[in-house]
Structures are given as structure tokens and as C-alpha cells.
């Protein structure tokens, strides 16, 4: 079934494959961001539990890194949207 979908997408001149790739890319970006922020949160909580006096510095670093991960995920999602809305004639 999946093979038939891929063959039908290939018959449209590659436009269908571009949209399929954009969807897969957006999904991978969302999964990667979720995993990254989850790992940051877990590591930050462990670090604060081990050294409570460093909680402020750990939280600051955690927030900065989480914002950078979200920025990369948003950039990937925008690129995937641009690919999926690409006109077939261009």
C-alpha cells in the first residue's frame, strides 16, 4: 500500500514526493525537539538535585538551550511548509 502511494506521488512530477518529504521532515523536527527538551529538563532536574546552590545557573542555561532547540525546530517546520507549498511550475 505504501509503495503504491509512493509510485502515485512519483507520477506527479516529483511534487508529491516533495510534499511527502516535507511532512516527514516536519514530523522529525517535532520529535527531535521534544526529545531534546525532555533530555534538557531531566538533566537540569538531576543537576539541581545534586547541587541545589547552582539552581539559578542551571535554570538559566536550561532556558537558553531550550529556546535554541525550539528555534531550530521552528526553522525546520517553516522550511518544510515552504517546500510543501511550492508551486509545481517553479
C-alpha atoms as a PDB file:
ATOM      1  CA  UNK A   1       0.000   0.000   0.000  1.00  0.00           C
ATOM      2  CA  UNK A   2       2.763   2.438   0.902  1.00  0.00           C
ATOM      3  CA  UNK A   3       4.624   1.512  -2.266  1.00  0.00           C
ATOM      4  CA  UNK A   4       1.555   2.375  -4.363  1.00  0.00           C
ATOM      5  CA  UNK A   5       1.275   5.757  -2.651  1.00  0.00           C
ATOM      6  CA  UNK A   6       4.936   6.464  -3.389  1.00  0.00           C
ATOM      7  CA  UNK A   7       4.500   5.436  -7.029  1.00  0.00           C
ATOM      8  CA  UNK A   8       1.478   7.718  -7.400  1.00  0.00           C
ATOM      9  CA  UNK A   9       3.426  10.572  -5.844  1.00  0.00           C
ATOM     10  CA  UNK A  10       6.331   9.979  -8.228  1.00  0.00           C
ATOM     11  CA  UNK A  11       3.989  10.172 -11.237  1.00  0.00           C
ATOM     12  CA  UNK A  12       3.040  13.766 -10.417  1.00  0.00           C
ATOM     13  CA  UNK A  13       6.468  15.002 -11.440  1.00  0.00           C
ATOM     14  CA  UNK A  14       8.104  14.846  -8.034  1.00  0.00           C
ATOM     15  CA  UNK A  15       5.769  17.388  -6.458  1.00  0.00           C
ATOM     16  CA  UNK A  16       4.054  14.692  -4.403  1.00  0.00           C
ATOM     17  CA  UNK A  17       7.393  13.417  -3.158  1.00  0.00           C
ATOM     18  CA  UNK A  18       8.363  16.945  -2.118  1.00  0.00           C
ATOM     19  CA  UNK A  19       5.193  17.256  -0.052  1.00  0.00           C
ATOM     20  CA  UNK A  20       5.737  13.790   1.421  1.00  0.00           C
ATOM     21  CA  UNK A  21       9.303  14.701   2.323  1.00  0.00           C
ATOM     22  CA  UNK A  22       8.161  17.977   3.852  1.00  0.00           C
ATOM     23  CA  UNK A  23       5.660  16.134   6.040  1.00  0.00           C
ATOM     24  CA  UNK A  24       8.252  13.625   7.176  1.00  0.00           C
ATOM     25  CA  UNK A  25      10.736  16.426   7.851  1.00  0.00           C
ATOM     26  CA  UNK A  26       8.258  18.394   9.940  1.00  0.00           C
ATOM     27  CA  UNK A  27       7.460  15.286  11.952  1.00  0.00           C
ATOM     28  CA  UNK A  28      11.111  14.520  12.567  1.00  0.00           C
ATOM     29  CA  UNK A  29      11.765  18.117  13.622  1.00  0.00           C
ATOM     30  CA  UNK A  30       8.924  17.961  16.152  1.00  0.00           C
ATOM     31  CA  UNK A  31      10.085  14.611  17.518  1.00  0.00           C
ATOM     32  CA  UNK A  32      13.683  15.831  17.768  1.00  0.00           C
ATOM     33  CA  UNK A  33      12.678  18.995  19.599  1.00  0.00           C
ATOM     34  CA  UNK A  34      10.552  17.017  22.040  1.00  0.00           C
ATOM     35  CA  UNK A  35      13.356  14.582  22.765  1.00  0.00           C
ATOM     36  CA  UNK A  36      15.904  17.379  23.153  1.00  0.00           C
ATOM     37  CA  UNK A  37      13.821  19.431  25.558  1.00  0.00           C
ATOM     38  CA  UNK A  38      12.912  16.313  27.531  1.00  0.00           C
ATOM     39  CA  UNK A  39      16.578  15.441  27.925  1.00  0.00           C
ATOM     40  CA  UNK A  40      17.414  19.006  28.940  1.00  0.00           C
ATOM     41  CA  UNK A  41      14.648  19.066  31.545  1.00  0.00           C
ATOM     42  CA  UNK A  42      15.649  15.721  33.026  1.00  0.00           C
ATOM     43  CA  UNK A  43      19.322  16.633  33.165  1.00  0.00           C
ATOM     44  CA  UNK A  44      18.555  20.021  34.706  1.00  0.00           C
ATOM     45  CA  UNK A  45      16.425  18.450  37.432  1.00  0.00           C
ATOM     46  CA  UNK A  46      19.161  15.945  38.174  1.00  0.00           C
ATOM     47  CA  UNK A  47      21.768  18.699  38.315  1.00  0.00           C
ATOM     48  CA  UNK A  48      19.640  20.823  40.644  1.00  0.00           C
ATOM     49  CA  UNK A  49      19.046  17.801  42.888  1.00  0.00           C
ATOM     50  CA  UNK A  50      22.794  17.193  43.112  1.00  0.00           C
ATOM     51  CA  UNK A  51      23.762  20.858  43.625  1.00  0.00           C
ATOM     52  CA  UNK A  52      20.846  22.947  44.860  1.00  0.00           C
ATOM     53  CA  UNK A  53      23.059  26.021  45.233  1.00  0.00           C
ATOM     54  CA  UNK A  54      23.613  26.069  41.452  1.00  0.00           C
ATOM     55  CA  UNK A  55      19.884  26.022  40.627  1.00  0.00           C
ATOM     56  CA  UNK A  56      19.835  29.575  39.213  1.00  0.00           C
ATOM     57  CA  UNK A  57      22.699  28.983  36.810  1.00  0.00           C
ATOM     58  CA  UNK A  58      21.323  25.614  35.722  1.00  0.00           C
ATOM     59  CA  UNK A  59      17.866  27.053  35.073  1.00  0.00           C
ATOM     60  CA  UNK A  60      19.287  29.938  33.054  1.00  0.00           C
ATOM     61  CA  UNK A  61      21.367  27.625  30.892  1.00  0.00           C
ATOM     62  CA  UNK A  62      18.402  25.255  30.508  1.00  0.00           C
ATOM     63  CA  UNK A  63      16.115  28.033  29.285  1.00  0.00           C
ATOM     64  CA  UNK A  64      18.669  29.325  26.784  1.00  0.00           C
ATOM     65  CA  UNK A  65      19.306  25.871  25.350  1.00  0.00           C
ATOM     66  CA  UNK A  66      15.568  25.095  25.209  1.00  0.00           C
ATOM     67  CA  UNK A  67      14.979  28.335  23.307  1.00  0.00           C
ATOM     68  CA  UNK A  68      17.703  27.418  20.807  1.00  0.00           C
ATOM     69  CA  UNK A  69      16.189  23.965  20.280  1.00  0.00           C
ATOM     70  CA  UNK A  70      12.752  25.480  19.727  1.00  0.00           C
ATOM     71  CA  UNK A  71      14.213  27.964  17.236  1.00  0.00           C
ATOM     72  CA  UNK A  72      15.803  25.176  15.200  1.00  0.00           C
ATOM     73  CA  UNK A  73      12.554  23.162  15.275  1.00  0.00           C
ATOM     74  CA  UNK A  74      10.560  26.202  14.156  1.00  0.00           C
ATOM     75  CA  UNK A  75      13.060  26.855  11.362  1.00  0.00           C
ATOM     76  CA  UNK A  76      12.731  23.237  10.199  1.00  0.00           C
ATOM     77  CA  UNK A  77       8.935  23.456  10.271  1.00  0.00           C
ATOM     78  CA  UNK A  78       8.983  26.677   8.216  1.00  0.00           C
ATOM     79  CA  UNK A  79      11.299  25.122   5.646  1.00  0.00           C
ATOM     80  CA  UNK A  80       9.004  22.090   5.419  1.00  0.00           C
ATOM     81  CA  UNK A  81       5.996  24.354   4.916  1.00  0.00           C
ATOM     82  CA  UNK A  82       7.808  26.266   2.188  1.00  0.00           C
ATOM     83  CA  UNK A  83       8.597  23.005   0.422  1.00  0.00           C
ATOM     84  CA  UNK A  84       5.039  21.732   0.738  1.00  0.00           C
ATOM     85  CA  UNK A  85       3.528  24.967  -0.637  1.00  0.00           C
ATOM     86  CA  UNK A  86       5.971  25.086  -3.544  1.00  0.00           C
ATOM     87  CA  UNK A  87       4.169  25.567  -6.835  1.00  0.00           C
ATOM     88  CA  UNK A  88       4.556  22.689  -9.318  1.00  0.00           C
ATOM     89  CA  UNK A  89       5.526  25.060 -12.128  1.00  0.00           C
ATOM     90  CA  UNK A  90       8.534  26.556 -10.333  1.00  0.00           C
END
